[in-house]
Amino acid sequence: MKEHEQYLLDVIQGRRPFKNPNPKLGEGKYYYLDPNQEYDDMAPARPDQKTYVPSEDSPNPYLQPRPQAQQSQQQP
């Protein structure tokens, strides 16, 4: 039971992707939900709210550090 609890905790915290039960052309077998969007608990997630990944071991792109934008320094 402990393994099941850890698995669910990993899914909720974004460390494991959801399995895509019926992938269509161009969709991956697994996906992460965009944590920056609001969801209706009673409605299914829209395709634009999902980021597809090829495998269960793929990292969550939302948890990856974002590259910092290079700031151009202007000389007076």
Protein backbone atom coordinates (compact mmCIF):
# COMPACT_ATOMS: atom_id res chain seq x y z
CA MET A 1 0.00 0.00 0.00
CA LYS A 2 2.91 2.31 0.68
CA GLU A 3 4.06 2.06 -2.97
CA HIS A 4 0.59 3.00 -4.19
CA GLU A 5 0.52 6.06 -1.89
CA GLN A 6 3.96 7.15 -3.11
CA TYR A 7 2.91 6.72 -6.74
CA LEU A 8 -0.16 8.91 -6.24
CA LEU A 9 1.89 11.51 -4.37
CA ASP A 10 4.39 11.58 -7.27
CA VAL A 11 1.56 12.12 -9.77
CA ILE A 12 -0.02 14.90 -7.71
CA GLN A 13 3.32 16.66 -7.21
CA GLY A 14 4.21 16.46 -10.91
CA ARG A 15 7.07 13.97 -10.61
CA ARG A 16 5.21 11.30 -12.65
CA PRO A 17 3.09 11.86 -15.75
CA PHE A 18 -0.48 10.73 -16.27
CA LYS A 19 -0.96 7.83 -18.68
CA ASN A 20 -2.83 8.78 -21.85
CA PRO A 21 -5.41 5.96 -22.16
CA ASN A 22 -6.29 6.60 -25.80
CA PRO A 23 -3.52 8.57 -27.57
CA LYS A 24 -4.45 10.13 -30.88
CA LEU A 25 -2.08 10.91 -33.74
CA GLY A 26 0.61 13.30 -32.52
CA GLU A 27 -0.04 12.69 -28.81
CA GLY A 28 2.34 10.92 -26.49
CA LYS A 29 1.60 7.95 -24.24
CA TYR A 30 2.02 10.13 -21.14
CA TYR A 31 1.30 13.77 -20.29
CA TYR A 32 1.65 16.40 -17.62
CA LEU A 33 -0.97 19.03 -16.89
CA ASP A 34 0.01 22.68 -16.99
CA PRO A 35 0.12 23.81 -13.33
CA ASN A 36 -0.34 27.45 -14.36
CA GLN A 37 -3.88 26.95 -15.62
CA GLU A 38 -7.08 26.71 -13.63
CA TYR A 39 -9.11 23.53 -14.00
CA ASP A 40 -12.74 22.68 -13.54
CA ASP A 41 -12.78 19.57 -11.36
CA MET A 42 -15.81 18.18 -13.19
CA ALA A 43 -14.56 18.77 -16.76
CA PRO A 44 -11.89 16.78 -18.56
CA ALA A 45 -8.62 18.56 -19.29
CA ARG A 46 -8.46 20.20 -22.71
CA PRO A 47 -5.65 19.22 -25.11
CA ASP A 48 -4.03 22.66 -24.79
CA GLN A 49 -3.64 22.08 -21.04
CA LYS A 50 -1.51 18.98 -21.56
CA THR A 51 2.17 18.58 -22.38
CA TYR A 52 2.81 15.17 -23.91
CA VAL A 53 5.98 13.22 -23.16
CA PRO A 54 7.20 9.98 -24.78
CA SER A 55 7.72 7.83 -21.69
CA GLU A 56 6.87 7.45 -18.02
CA ASP A 57 10.46 8.40 -17.13
CA SER A 58 10.35 11.72 -19.01
CA PRO A 59 10.87 14.70 -16.70
CA ASN A 60 8.14 17.24 -16.16
CA PRO A 61 8.99 20.30 -18.30
CA TYR A 62 7.14 22.51 -15.81
CA LEU A 63 9.53 21.46 -13.01
CA GLN A 64 12.65 22.16 -15.05
CA PRO A 65 14.45 25.41 -14.30
CA ARG A 66 13.70 27.98 -16.96
CA PRO A 67 16.65 29.49 -18.81
CA GLN A 68 17.24 33.06 -17.73
CA ALA A 69 16.80 35.68 -20.40
CA GLN A 70 19.99 37.41 -21.31
CA GLN A 71 19.84 41.05 -20.41
CA SER A 72 21.49 43.39 -22.83
CA GLN A 73 23.57 46.00 -21.13
CA GLN A 74 23.52 49.33 -22.83
CA GLN A 75 26.59 51.52 -22.77
CA PRO A 76 25.87 55.25 -22.17
